[in-house]
C-alpha atoms as a PDB file:
ATOM      1  CA  MET A   1     -25.504  42.458  55.256  1.00  0.00           C
ATOM      2  CA  THR A   2     -24.690  40.458  58.481  1.00  0.00           C
ATOM      3  CA  ASN A   3     -21.173  39.102  58.949  1.00  0.00           C
ATOM      4  CA  GLY A   4     -20.669  39.579  55.190  1.00  0.00           C
ATOM      5  CA  GLN A   5     -23.886  37.631  54.389  1.00  0.00           C
ATOM      6  CA  PRO A   6     -26.818  38.810  52.331  1.00  0.00           C
ATOM      7  CA  SER A   7     -29.667  40.173  54.402  1.00  0.00           C
ATOM      8  CA  ASP A   8     -31.973  37.586  52.844  1.00  0.00           C
ATOM      9  CA  SER A   9     -29.846  34.590  53.943  1.00  0.00           C
ATOM     10  CA  PRO A  10     -32.095  31.499  54.374  1.00  0.00           C
ATOM     11  CA  LEU A  11     -32.819  30.049  57.809  1.00  0.00           C
ATOM     12  CA  VAL A  12     -30.783  26.934  58.558  1.00  0.00           C
ATOM     13  CA  SER A  13     -32.212  24.407  61.083  1.00  0.00           C
ATOM     14  CA  VAL A  14     -29.617  22.390  62.951  1.00  0.00           C
ATOM     15  CA  LEU A  15     -31.166  19.286  64.337  1.00  0.00           C
ATOM     16  CA  ILE A  16     -29.494  17.382  67.192  1.00  0.00           C
ATOM     17  CA  PRO A  17     -30.874  14.155  68.606  1.00  0.00           C
ATOM     18  CA  THR A  18     -29.342  13.238  71.942  1.00  0.00           C
ATOM     19  CA  TYR A  19     -29.392  10.527  74.586  1.00  0.00           C
ATOM     20  CA  CYS A  20     -27.584  10.730  77.952  1.00  0.00           C
ATOM     21  CA  ARG A  21     -24.528  12.681  76.703  1.00  0.00           C
ATOM     22  CA  PRO A  22     -24.803  16.166  78.186  1.00  0.00           C
ATOM     23  CA  ARG A  23     -21.017  16.723  78.214  1.00  0.00           C
ATOM     24  CA  VAL A  24     -20.380  16.064  74.499  1.00  0.00           C
ATOM     25  CA  LEU A  25     -23.721  17.612  73.600  1.00  0.00           C
ATOM     26  CA  ARG A  26     -22.401  20.917  75.046  1.00  0.00           C
ATOM     27  CA  ASP A  27     -19.343  20.624  72.723  1.00  0.00           C
ATOM     28  CA  ALA A  28     -21.673  20.005  69.787  1.00  0.00           C
ATOM     29  CA  LEU A  29     -23.816  22.978  70.634  1.00  0.00           C
ATOM     30  CA  ASP A  30     -20.769  25.185  71.094  1.00  0.00           C
ATOM     31  CA  SER A  31     -19.569  24.219  67.621  1.00  0.00           C
ATOM     32  CA  VAL A  32     -22.972  25.446  66.249  1.00  0.00           C
ATOM     33  CA  THR A  33     -23.441  28.678  68.186  1.00  0.00           C
ATOM     34  CA  SER A  34     -19.948  29.740  67.325  1.00  0.00           C
ATOM     35  CA  GLN A  35     -20.704  29.574  63.558  1.00  0.00           C
ATOM     36  CA  ASP A  36     -20.475  32.851  61.710  1.00  0.00           C
ATOM     37  CA  TYR A  37     -23.712  32.119  59.729  1.00  0.00           C
ATOM     38  CA  ARG A  38     -27.074  33.647  60.597  1.00  0.00           C
ATOM     39  CA  PRO A  39     -30.022  33.068  60.953  1.00  0.00           C
ATOM     40  CA  LEU A  40     -29.885  29.672  62.710  1.00  0.00           C
ATOM     41  CA  GLU A  41     -32.401  27.680  64.648  1.00  0.00           C
ATOM     42  CA  ILE A  42     -31.096  24.815  66.794  1.00  0.00           C
ATOM     43  CA  ILE A  43     -33.483  22.096  67.927  1.00  0.00           C
ATOM     44  CA  VAL A  44     -32.390  19.425  70.350  1.00  0.00           C
ATOM     45  CA  GLY A  45     -34.502  16.282  70.827  1.00  0.00           C
ATOM     46  CA  ASP A  46     -33.750  14.546  74.113  1.00  0.00           C
ATOM     47  CA  ASP A  47     -34.453  10.786  74.713  1.00  0.00           C
ATOM     48  CA  SER A  48     -32.630  10.783  78.054  1.00  0.00           C
ATOM     49  CA  PRO A  49     -34.524   9.360  81.110  1.00  0.00           C
ATOM     50  CA  ASP A  50     -33.162  12.046  83.419  1.00  0.00           C
ATOM     51  CA  GLU A  51     -32.945  15.886  83.451  1.00  0.00           C
ATOM     52  CA  ALA A  52     -29.182  16.290  83.103  1.00  0.00           C
ATOM     53  CA  THR A  53     -29.453  17.316  79.426  1.00  0.00           C
ATOM     54  CA  ALA A  54     -32.195  19.769  80.143  1.00  0.00           C
ATOM     55  CA  ARG A  55     -30.073  21.381  82.894  1.00  0.00           C
ATOM     56  CA  ARG A  56     -27.125  21.624  80.438  1.00  0.00           C
ATOM     57  CA  ILE A  57     -29.328  23.243  77.816  1.00  0.00           C
ATOM     58  CA  ALA A  58     -30.569  25.848  80.263  1.00  0.00           C
ATOM     59  CA  GLU A  59     -26.960  27.033  80.773  1.00  0.00           C
ATOM     60  CA  ILE A  60     -26.501  28.021  77.159  1.00  0.00           C
ATOM     61  CA  ALA A  61     -26.861  31.622  76.014  1.00  0.00           C
ATOM     62  CA  THR A  62     -27.506  31.954  72.304  1.00  0.00           C
ATOM     63  CA  PRO A  63     -26.117  34.805  70.149  1.00  0.00           C
ATOM     64  CA  ASP A  64     -28.291  37.168  68.142  1.00  0.00           C
ATOM     65  CA  ASN A  65     -30.284  35.585  65.350  1.00  0.00           C
ATOM     66  CA  VAL A  66     -29.834  32.111  66.868  1.00  0.00           C
ATOM     67  CA  THR A  67     -32.728  30.306  68.539  1.00  0.00           C
ATOM     68  CA  LEU A  68     -32.433  27.165  70.671  1.00  0.00           C
ATOM     69  CA  THR A  69     -35.411  24.889  71.184  1.00  0.00           C
ATOM     70  CA  PHE A  70     -35.377  21.900  73.534  1.00  0.00           C
ATOM     71  CA  LEU A  71     -37.822  19.028  72.987  1.00  0.00           C
ATOM     72  CA  LYS A  72     -38.052  16.350  75.649  1.00  0.00           C
ATOM     73  CA  ASN A  73     -39.275  12.911  74.465  1.00  0.00           C
ATOM     74  CA  ASP A  74     -41.328  11.101  77.094  1.00  0.00           C
ATOM     75  CA  PRO A  75     -41.363   8.184  76.427  1.00  0.00           C
ATOM     76  CA  PRO A  76     -38.096   8.013  74.411  1.00  0.00           C
ATOM     77  CA  LEU A  77     -38.534   7.771  70.662  1.00  0.00           C
ATOM     78  CA  GLY A  78     -35.297   6.131  69.519  1.00  0.00           C
ATOM     79  CA  GLN A  79     -32.869   7.820  67.164  1.00  0.00           C
ATOM     80  CA  ALA A  80     -34.909   7.644  63.952  1.00  0.00           C
ATOM     81  CA  MET A  81     -38.214   8.839  65.373  1.00  0.00           C
ATOM     82  CA  ASN A  82     -36.399  11.493  67.437  1.00  0.00           C
ATOM     83  CA  LEU A  83     -34.924  12.805  64.200  1.00  0.00           C
ATOM     84  CA  ASN A  84     -38.332  12.791  62.568  1.00  0.00           C
ATOM     85  CA  ARG A  85     -39.745  14.879  65.401  1.00  0.00           C
ATOM     86  CA  LEU A  86     -36.942  17.349  64.948  1.00  0.00           C
ATOM     87  CA  ILE A  87     -37.546  17.442  61.146  1.00  0.00           C
ATOM     88  CA  ASP A  88     -41.236  18.105  61.700  1.00  0.00           C
ATOM     89  CA  ALA A  89     -40.466  20.992  64.133  1.00  0.00           C
ATOM     90  CA  ALA A  90     -37.862  22.650  61.880  1.00  0.00           C
ATOM     91  CA  GLN A  91     -38.853  25.806  59.990  1.00  0.00           C
ATOM     92  CA  GLY A  92     -35.739  26.500  57.953  1.00  0.00           C
ATOM     93  CA  THR A  93     -34.992  26.301  54.249  1.00  0.00           C
ATOM     94  CA  TYR A  94     -32.171  23.818  54.869  1.00  0.00           C
ATOM     95  CA  GLY A  95     -31.762  21.206  57.574  1.00  0.00           C
ATOM     96  CA  LEU A  96     -28.418  20.065  59.003  1.00  0.00           C
ATOM     97  CA  ILE A  97     -28.281  16.889  61.084  1.00  0.00           C
ATOM     98  CA  LEU A  98     -25.618  16.807  63.802  1.00  0.00           C
ATOM     99  CA  HIS A  99     -25.277  13.837  66.196  1.00  0.00           C
ATOM    100  CA  ASP A 100     -24.790  14.845  69.790  1.00  0.00           C
ATOM    101  CA  ASP A 101     -21.228  13.631  69.961  1.00  0.00           C
ATOM    102  CA  ASP A 102     -19.950  15.229  66.695  1.00  0.00           C
ATOM    103  CA  LEU A 103     -18.904  18.766  65.866  1.00  0.00           C
ATOM    104  CA  LEU A 104     -19.080  21.361  63.121  1.00  0.00           C
ATOM    105  CA  LEU A 105     -15.890  23.013  62.133  1.00  0.00           C
ATOM    106  CA  PRO A 106     -15.670  26.809  62.008  1.00  0.00           C
ATOM    107  CA  GLY A 107     -17.404  28.342  58.971  1.00  0.00           C
ATOM    108  CA  ALA A 108     -19.018  25.039  58.032  1.00  0.00           C
ATOM    109  CA  ILE A 109     -22.641  26.310  57.717  1.00  0.00           C
ATOM    110  CA  ALA A 110     -21.612  29.297  55.627  1.00  0.00           C
ATOM    111  CA  VAL A 111     -19.731  27.221  53.061  1.00  0.00           C
ATOM    112  CA  LEU A 112     -22.530  24.670  52.843  1.00  0.00           C
ATOM    113  CA  VAL A 113     -25.127  27.350  52.218  1.00  0.00           C
ATOM    114  CA  ASN A 114     -22.821  28.901  49.662  1.00  0.00           C
ATOM    115  CA  ALA A 115     -22.752  25.597  47.854  1.00  0.00           C
ATOM    116  CA  PHE A 116     -26.557  25.860  47.416  1.00  0.00           C
ATOM    117  CA  ARG A 117     -26.208  29.439  46.185  1.00  0.00           C
ATOM    118  CA  GLU A 118     -23.717  28.360  43.535  1.00  0.00           C
ATOM    119  CA  HIS A 119     -25.820  25.383  42.429  1.00  0.00           C
ATOM    120  CA  PRO A 120     -29.589  26.146  43.081  1.00  0.00           C
ATOM    121  CA  MET A 121     -30.600  22.629  41.825  1.00  0.00           C
ATOM    122  CA  LEU A 122     -28.757  20.903  44.687  1.00  0.00           C
ATOM    123  CA  VAL A 123     -30.825  18.937  47.218  1.00  0.00           C
ATOM    124  CA  ALA A 124     -27.934  18.118  49.544  1.00  0.00           C
ATOM    125  CA  CYS A 125     -24.292  18.965  50.146  1.00  0.00           C
ATOM    126  CA  PHE A 126     -21.590  17.917  52.583  1.00  0.00           C
ATOM    127  CA  GLY A 127     -17.862  18.364  53.138  1.00  0.00           C
ATOM    128  CA  ARG A 128     -14.993  16.174  54.161  1.00  0.00           C
ATOM    129  CA  GLN A 129     -14.583  15.119  57.815  1.00  0.00           C
ATOM    130  CA  ARG A 130     -12.037  14.993  60.576  1.00  0.00           C
ATOM    131  CA  LEU A 131     -11.791  12.371  63.370  1.00  0.00           C
ATOM    132  CA  CYS A 132     -11.442  12.920  67.067  1.00  0.00           C
ATOM    133  CA  SER A 133     -11.111  10.468  69.972  1.00  0.00           C
ATOM    134  CA  ASP A 134     -13.816   9.833  72.532  1.00  0.00           C
ATOM    135  CA  ALA A 135     -12.096  12.486  74.766  1.00  0.00           C
ATOM    136  CA  GLY A 136     -12.260  15.013  71.889  1.00  0.00           C
ATOM    137  CA  ASP A 137      -8.631  14.963  70.788  1.00  0.00           C
ATOM    138  CA  ASP A 138      -8.069  15.421  67.054  1.00  0.00           C
ATOM    139  CA  LEU A 139      -6.583  12.295  65.546  1.00  0.00           C
ATOM    140  CA  GLY A 140      -4.587  14.097  62.818  1.00  0.00           C
ATOM    141  CA  ASP A 141      -4.447  14.305  59.085  1.00  0.00           C
ATOM    142  CA  ASP A 142      -3.663  10.677  58.399  1.00  0.00           C
ATOM    143  CA  ALA A 143      -6.752   9.477  60.254  1.00  0.00           C
ATOM    144  CA  ALA A 144      -8.902  12.107  58.447  1.00  0.00           C
ATOM    145  CA  ASN A 145      -7.484  11.123  55.075  1.00  0.00           C
ATOM    146  CA  THR A 146      -8.152   7.477  55.702  1.00  0.00           C
ATOM    147  CA  LEU A 147     -11.729   8.146  56.717  1.00  0.00           C
ATOM    148  CA  ASN A 148     -12.382  10.357  53.733  1.00  0.00           C
ATOM    149  CA  SER A 149     -10.689   7.973  51.348  1.00  0.00           C
ATOM    150  CA  THR A 150     -12.846   5.062  52.643  1.00  0.00           C
ATOM    151  CA  TYR A 151     -16.036   6.934  51.969  1.00  0.00           C
ATOM    152  CA  HIS A 152     -14.997   8.526  48.630  1.00  0.00           C
ATOM    153  CA  ARG A 153     -14.617  12.067  50.052  1.00  0.00           C
ATOM    154  CA  THR A 154     -11.173  12.927  48.664  1.00  0.00           C
ATOM    155  CA  PHE A 155     -10.112  15.964  46.634  1.00  0.00           C
ATOM    156  CA  ASP A 156     -10.553  13.858  43.477  1.00  0.00           C
ATOM    157  CA  ASP A 157     -14.216  13.254  44.412  1.00  0.00           C
ATOM    158  CA  VAL A 158     -15.020  16.963  45.098  1.00  0.00           C
ATOM    159  CA  GLY A 159     -17.741  18.548  42.960  1.00  0.00           C
ATOM    160  CA  VAL A 160     -21.318  18.142  41.902  1.00  0.00           C
ATOM    161  CA  LEU A 161     -22.433  14.505  42.231  1.00  0.00           C
ATOM    162  CA  SER A 162     -24.827  14.105  39.345  1.00  0.00           C
ATOM    163  CA  ASP A 163     -25.780  10.574  40.380  1.00  0.00           C
ATOM    164  CA  PRO A 164     -26.880  11.059  43.973  1.00  0.00           C
ATOM    165  CA  ILE A 165     -28.156   7.440  44.224  1.00  0.00           C
ATOM    166  CA  ALA A 166     -24.661   6.117  43.428  1.00  0.00           C
ATOM    167  CA  ALA A 167     -23.205   8.480  46.034  1.00  0.00           C
ATOM    168  CA  ALA A 168     -25.575   7.223  48.672  1.00  0.00           C
ATOM    169  CA  ILE A 169     -25.046   3.592  47.849  1.00  0.00           C
ATOM    170  CA  ARG A 170     -21.286   4.086  48.044  1.00  0.00           C
ATOM    171  CA  ARG A 171     -21.872   5.725  51.480  1.00  0.00           C
ATOM    172  CA  GLN A 172     -20.318   8.915  50.239  1.00  0.00           C
ATOM    173  CA  PHE A 173     -23.267  10.702  51.807  1.00  0.00           C
ATOM    174  CA  PRO A 174     -22.276  10.992  55.537  1.00  0.00           C
ATOM    175  CA  ASN A 175     -24.341   9.941  58.504  1.00  0.00           C
ATOM    176  CA  ASP A 176     -24.457  13.512  59.732  1.00  0.00           C
ATOM    177  CA  GLY A 177     -22.946  16.935  59.061  1.00  0.00           C
ATOM    178  CA  PHE A 178     -24.757  17.139  55.738  1.00  0.00           C
ATOM    179  CA  MET A 179     -27.081  19.966  54.744  1.00  0.00           C
ATOM    180  CA  ALA A 180     -30.224  19.223  52.694  1.00  0.00           C
ATOM    181  CA  SER A 181     -33.409  20.763  51.481  1.00  0.00           C
ATOM    182  CA  LEU A 182     -35.715  20.621  54.487  1.00  0.00           C
ATOM    183  CA  GLU A 183     -38.714  20.310  52.255  1.00  0.00           C
ATOM    184  CA  LEU A 184     -37.299  17.068  50.854  1.00  0.00           C
ATOM    185  CA  MET A 185     -36.225  15.887  54.347  1.00  0.00           C
ATOM    186  CA  LYS A 186     -39.811  16.356  55.586  1.00  0.00           C
ATOM    187  CA  LEU A 187     -40.953  14.177  52.625  1.00  0.00           C
ATOM    188  CA  VAL A 188     -38.459  11.384  53.118  1.00  0.00           C
ATOM    189  CA  LYS A 189     -37.914  11.142  56.883  1.00  0.00           C
ATOM    190  CA  TYR A 190     -36.164   8.309  58.681  1.00  0.00           C
ATOM    191  CA  ARG A 191     -37.394   4.764  58.965  1.00  0.00           C
ATOM    192  CA  PRO A 192     -37.278   3.248  62.496  1.00  0.00           C
ATOM    193  CA  GLU A 193     -34.565   0.996  63.889  1.00  0.00           C
ATOM    194  CA  THR A 194     -37.080  -1.747  64.280  1.00  0.00           C
ATOM    195  CA  GLU A 195     -37.391  -1.805  60.477  1.00  0.00           C
ATOM    196  CA  ILE A 196     -33.851  -0.811  59.375  1.00  0.00           C
ATOM    197  CA  GLY A 197     -31.609  -1.818  62.265  1.00  0.00           C
ATOM    198  CA  HIS A 198     -28.372   0.232  62.875  1.00  0.00           C
ATOM    199  CA  ALA A 199     -28.185   1.614  59.304  1.00  0.00           C
ATOM    200  CA  VAL A 200     -30.943   4.266  59.570  1.00  0.00           C
ATOM    201  CA  ASP A 201     -28.571   6.991  58.395  1.00  0.00           C
ATOM    202  CA  THR A 202     -27.474   5.073  55.263  1.00  0.00           C
ATOM    203  CA  ASP A 203     -31.075   4.228  54.486  1.00  0.00           C
ATOM    204  CA  PHE A 204     -32.071   7.830  54.797  1.00  0.00           C
ATOM    205  CA  GLY A 205     -29.349   8.965  52.422  1.00  0.00           C
ATOM    206  CA  ILE A 206     -30.371   6.437  49.790  1.00  0.00           C
ATOM    207  CA  ARG A 207     -33.991   7.315  49.986  1.00  0.00           C
ATOM    208  CA  LEU A 208     -33.197  11.025  49.954  1.00  0.00           C
ATOM    209  CA  ALA A 209     -31.241  10.442  46.732  1.00  0.00           C
ATOM    210  CA  VAL A 210     -34.148   8.497  45.150  1.00  0.00           C
ATOM    211  CA  ALA A 211     -36.608  11.237  46.090  1.00  0.00           C
ATOM    212  CA  ALA A 212     -34.313  13.842  44.583  1.00  0.00           C
ATOM    213  CA  GLU A 213     -35.336  12.547  41.143  1.00  0.00           C
ATOM    214  CA  GLY A 214     -31.936  13.234  39.604  1.00  0.00           C
ATOM    215  CA  SER A 215     -31.232  16.587  41.357  1.00  0.00           C
ATOM    216  CA  PRO A 216     -27.544  16.427  42.463  1.00  0.00           C
ATOM    217  CA  PHE A 217     -25.664  16.225  45.690  1.00  0.00           C
ATOM    218  CA  ARG A 218     -22.415  18.079  46.084  1.00  0.00           C
ATOM    219  CA  LEU A 219     -19.169  17.231  47.948  1.00  0.00           C
ATOM    220  CA  ILE A 220     -17.258  20.406  48.776  1.00  0.00           C
ATOM    221  CA  GLU A 221     -13.541  20.471  49.387  1.00  0.00           C
ATOM    222  CA  ASN A 222     -13.724  21.993  52.833  1.00  0.00           C
ATOM    223  CA  GLN A 223     -13.515  19.909  55.992  1.00  0.00           C
ATOM    224  CA  THR A 224     -16.836  20.810  57.652  1.00  0.00           C
ATOM    225  CA  SER A 225     -17.388  18.368  60.475  1.00  0.00           C
ATOM    226  CA  VAL A 226     -15.657  16.144  63.074  1.00  0.00           C
ATOM    227  CA  TYR A 227     -16.723  12.551  63.634  1.00  0.00           C
ATOM    228  CA  ARG A 228     -16.126  11.446  67.218  1.00  0.00           C
ATOM    229  CA  LEU A 229     -15.087   7.825  67.818  1.00  0.00           C
ATOM    230  CA  SER A 230     -17.362   7.528  70.882  1.00  0.00           C
ATOM    231  CA  LYS A 231     -17.009   4.304  72.787  1.00  0.00           C
ATOM    232  CA  ALA A 232     -20.755   4.023  73.136  1.00  0.00           C
ATOM    233  CA  GLY A 233     -21.336   4.555  69.396  1.00  0.00           C
ATOM    234  CA  VAL A 234     -18.779   2.011  68.324  1.00  0.00           C
ATOM    235  CA  ALA A 235     -20.100  -0.587  70.729  1.00  0.00           C
ATOM    236  CA  ALA A 236     -23.673  -0.037  69.535  1.00  0.00           C
ATOM    237  CA  SER A 237     -23.008  -0.492  65.805  1.00  0.00           C
ATOM    238  CA  GLY A 238     -20.084  -2.490  64.559  1.00  0.00           C
ATOM    239  CA  SER A 239     -20.973  -5.364  62.263  1.00  0.00           C
ATOM    240  CA  GLY A 240     -24.654  -4.785  63.082  1.00  0.00           C
ATOM    241  CA  ALA A 241     -24.662  -1.721  60.890  1.00  0.00           C
ATOM    242  CA  THR A 242     -22.974  -3.750  58.080  1.00  0.00           C
ATOM    243  CA  ALA A 243     -25.697  -6.482  58.337  1.00  0.00           C
ATOM    244  CA  SER A 244     -28.429  -3.781  58.277  1.00  0.00           C
ATOM    245  CA  PHE A 245     -26.841  -2.283  55.212  1.00  0.00           C
ATOM    246  CA  TRP A 246     -26.892  -5.664  53.557  1.00  0.00           C
ATOM    247  CA  ASN A 247     -30.648  -5.876  54.144  1.00  0.00           C
ATOM    248  CA  ILE A 248     -31.099  -2.386  52.724  1.00  0.00           C
ATOM    249  CA  LEU A 249     -29.203  -3.406  49.559  1.00  0.00           C
ATOM    250  CA  ASP A 250     -31.554  -6.426  49.245  1.00  0.00           C
ATOM    251  CA  GLY A 251     -34.408  -3.891  48.960  1.00  0.00           C
ATOM    252  CA  LEU A 252     -32.846  -1.982  46.068  1.00  0.00           C
ATOM    253  CA  ASP A 253     -33.465  -4.586  43.312  1.00  0.00           C
ATOM    254  CA  HIS A 254     -35.747  -1.985  41.623  1.00  0.00           C
ATOM    255  CA  LEU A 255     -32.738   0.277  40.985  1.00  0.00           C
ATOM    256  CA  GLN A 256     -31.690  -1.865  38.037  1.00  0.00           C
ATOM    257  CA  SER A 257     -29.504   0.911  36.585  1.00  0.00           C
ATOM    258  CA  HIS A 258     -27.324   0.659  39.702  1.00  0.00           C
ATOM    259  CA  GLY A 259     -27.178  -3.135  39.863  1.00  0.00           C
ATOM    260  CA  ASP A 260     -23.457  -3.373  39.184  1.00  0.00           C
ATOM    261  CA  LEU A 261     -22.635  -0.840  41.901  1.00  0.00           C
ATOM    262  CA  ILE A 262     -24.918  -2.625  44.427  1.00  0.00           C
ATOM    263  CA  ASN A 263     -23.161  -5.888  43.689  1.00  0.00           C
ATOM    264  CA  ALA A 264     -19.750  -4.261  44.032  1.00  0.00           C
ATOM    265  CA  VAL A 265     -20.758  -2.929  47.499  1.00  0.00           C
ATOM    266  CA  ARG A 266     -22.107  -6.338  48.450  1.00  0.00           C
ATOM    267  CA  ARG A 267     -18.704  -7.824  47.731  1.00  0.00           C
ATOM    268  CA  GLN A 268     -17.121  -5.311  50.032  1.00  0.00           C
ATOM    269  CA  ILE A 269     -19.353  -6.018  52.995  1.00  0.00           C
ATOM    270  CA  ALA A 270     -20.231  -9.719  52.467  1.00  0.00           C
ATOM    271  CA  ALA A 271     -17.795 -11.127  55.022  1.00  0.00           C
ATOM    272  CA  GLY A 272     -18.862  -8.783  57.820  1.00  0.00           C
ATOM    273  CA  ALA A 273     -22.588  -9.256  57.085  1.00  0.00           C
ATOM    274  CA  ALA A 274     -22.361 -13.066  56.990  1.00  0.00           C
ATOM    275  CA  SER A 275     -20.478 -13.229  60.227  1.00  0.00           C
ATOM    276  CA  HIS A 276     -22.956 -10.943  61.952  1.00  0.00           C
ATOM    277  CA  PHE A 277     -25.958 -12.982  60.776  1.00  0.00           C
ATOM    278  CA  ALA A 278     -24.248 -16.216  61.837  1.00  0.00           C
ATOM    279  CA  ARG A 279     -23.450 -14.915  65.306  1.00  0.00           C
ATOM    280  CA  ASN A 280     -27.071 -13.804  65.705  1.00  0.00           C
ATOM    281  CA  GLY A 281     -28.634 -17.139  64.765  1.00  0.00           C
ATOM    282  CA  GLU A 282     -29.716 -16.159  61.194  1.00  0.00           C
ATOM    283  CA  ARG A 283     -27.949 -19.203  59.780  1.00  0.00           C
ATOM    284  CA  LYS A 284     -29.832 -19.426  56.443  1.00  0.00           C
ATOM    285  CA  LYS A 285     -29.158 -15.740  55.743  1.00  0.00           C
ATOM    286  CA  ALA A 286     -25.486 -16.149  56.725  1.00  0.00           C
ATOM    287  CA  TYR A 287     -25.104 -19.305  54.538  1.00  0.00           C
ATOM    288  CA  SER A 288     -26.739 -17.667  51.541  1.00  0.00           C
ATOM    289  CA  ILE A 289     -24.126 -14.888  51.686  1.00  0.00           C
ATOM    290  CA  TRP A 290     -21.270 -17.201  52.419  1.00  0.00           C
ATOM    291  CA  LYS A 291     -21.938 -19.388  49.403  1.00  0.00           C
ATOM    292  CA  SER A 292     -22.666 -16.496  47.071  1.00  0.00           C
ATOM    293  CA  GLY A 293     -20.335 -14.984  44.510  1.00  0.00           C
ATOM    294  CA  HIS A 294     -20.324 -11.826  46.623  1.00  0.00           C
ATOM    295  CA  TYR A 295     -18.271 -13.584  49.288  1.00  0.00           C
ATOM    296  CA  GLY A 296     -15.924 -15.033  46.772  1.00  0.00           C
ATOM    297  CA  PRO A 297     -12.638 -16.868  47.403  1.00  0.00           C
ATOM    298  CA  GLU A 298     -12.376 -15.296  50.897  1.00  0.00           C
ATOM    299  CA  ARG A 299     -14.693 -18.056  52.069  1.00  0.00           C
ATOM    300  CA  PHE A 300     -11.801 -20.573  52.109  1.00  0.00           C
ATOM    301  CA  ARG A 301      -9.465 -18.324  54.043  1.00  0.00           C
ATOM    302  CA  ALA A 302      -9.341 -17.903  57.819  1.00  0.00           C
ATOM    303  CA  ARG A 303     -12.239 -15.505  58.232  1.00  0.00           C
ATOM    304  CA  GLY A 304     -14.461 -17.362  55.778  1.00  0.00           C
ATOM    305  CA  LEU A 305     -13.803 -20.705  57.420  1.00  0.00           C
ATOM    306  CA  TYR A 306     -14.554 -19.263  60.856  1.00  0.00           C
ATOM    307  CA  CYS A 307     -17.834 -17.885  59.454  1.00  0.00           C
ATOM    308  CA  ALA A 308     -18.605 -21.365  58.096  1.00  0.00           C
ATOM    309  CA  ALA A 309     -17.917 -22.835  61.577  1.00  0.00           C
ATOM    310  CA  LEU A 310     -20.298 -20.275  63.059  1.00  0.00           C
ATOM    311  CA  ILE A 311     -23.008 -21.327  60.684  1.00  0.00           C
ATOM    312  CA  ALA A 312     -22.452 -25.036  61.319  1.00  0.00           C
ATOM    313  CA  ILE A 313     -22.024 -24.748  65.086  1.00  0.00           C
ATOM    314  CA  PRO A 314     -24.247 -21.943  66.385  1.00  0.00           C
ATOM    315  CA  HIS A 315     -22.916 -22.238  69.925  1.00  0.00           C
ATOM    316  CA  LEU A 316     -19.385 -21.449  68.840  1.00  0.00           C
ATOM    317  CA  ALA A 317     -19.960 -17.678  69.145  1.00  0.00           C
ATOM    318  CA  LYS A 318     -21.205 -18.099  72.741  1.00  0.00           C
ATOM    319  CA  VAL A 319     -18.111 -20.169  73.627  1.00  0.00           C
ATOM    320  CA  ARG A 320     -15.922 -17.518  72.183  1.00  0.00           C
ATOM    321  CA  ASP A 321     -17.677 -14.752  74.123  1.00  0.00           C
ATOM    322  CA  LEU A 322     -17.269 -16.800  77.428  1.00  0.00           C
ATOM    323  CA  MET A 323     -13.540 -17.247  76.749  1.00  0.00           C
ATOM    324  CA  SER A 324     -12.975 -13.497  75.955  1.00  0.00           C
ATOM    325  CA  PRO A 325     -11.458 -11.487  78.844  1.00  0.00           C
END
């Protein structure tokens, strides 16, 4: 026994892609090395053009039964291919993806592994999340409850998710902080941003669920990770992720048993997706969404009328940008 764990505890591989954020990366690493679960391997994949991250990694002393491997990507691979390199290098039974600006809460790895022990047929599990500011300040229970409610991670949702595809389409499966069978992760892998856009994490969750062939996911009641509202992350995604998600949904027509759910999600994101496509010159795509039943009566309200104007007058978005402070 080690720290109350069985001596045959499986190796967990914590995989952290990073790019030019050595300060918050150190926080992420500290949240992993302070976990009470062993054995752990931590693998960091660095896309940064400089050596600041490598220097920060060199400062870290790892506890017993914790290894830390640093992989420098030259040239940079981009988030998805960086993650795939990490998955290929990992040797654990389970993989846990952690973005460089997010955190694990104390005891998270132990409770996630225990979920697999309790339900050996699981292929992935995850807990509820907290939110912190860009500076790392916890944003409180109300913010956490709003986040978890938005993504169907409430106490009412806790338990074995027998339809993992539905969980992934609803975006119940988080972008990171989840633990999954590493064997399955190596099979599925991430598709590149050039193919998927900003929604590589959502796409991975859906394809992981499809590859699971009915084996369940599980949402545990514990809060296990902290999602940081990083300024760079918010600026890089926004409505672009929504539009990418729309394109992913367009590729799920073969999942006929989930057609009603897919259409319900389309109705939720139609306005954001149409506006993004219109601002980026994809007028036909924007118009097809705007006139569809998914957009609905919102098209004749302020946001819908503005979207119609963007479709009809492509330069309107540029004028707005020029007038913005």
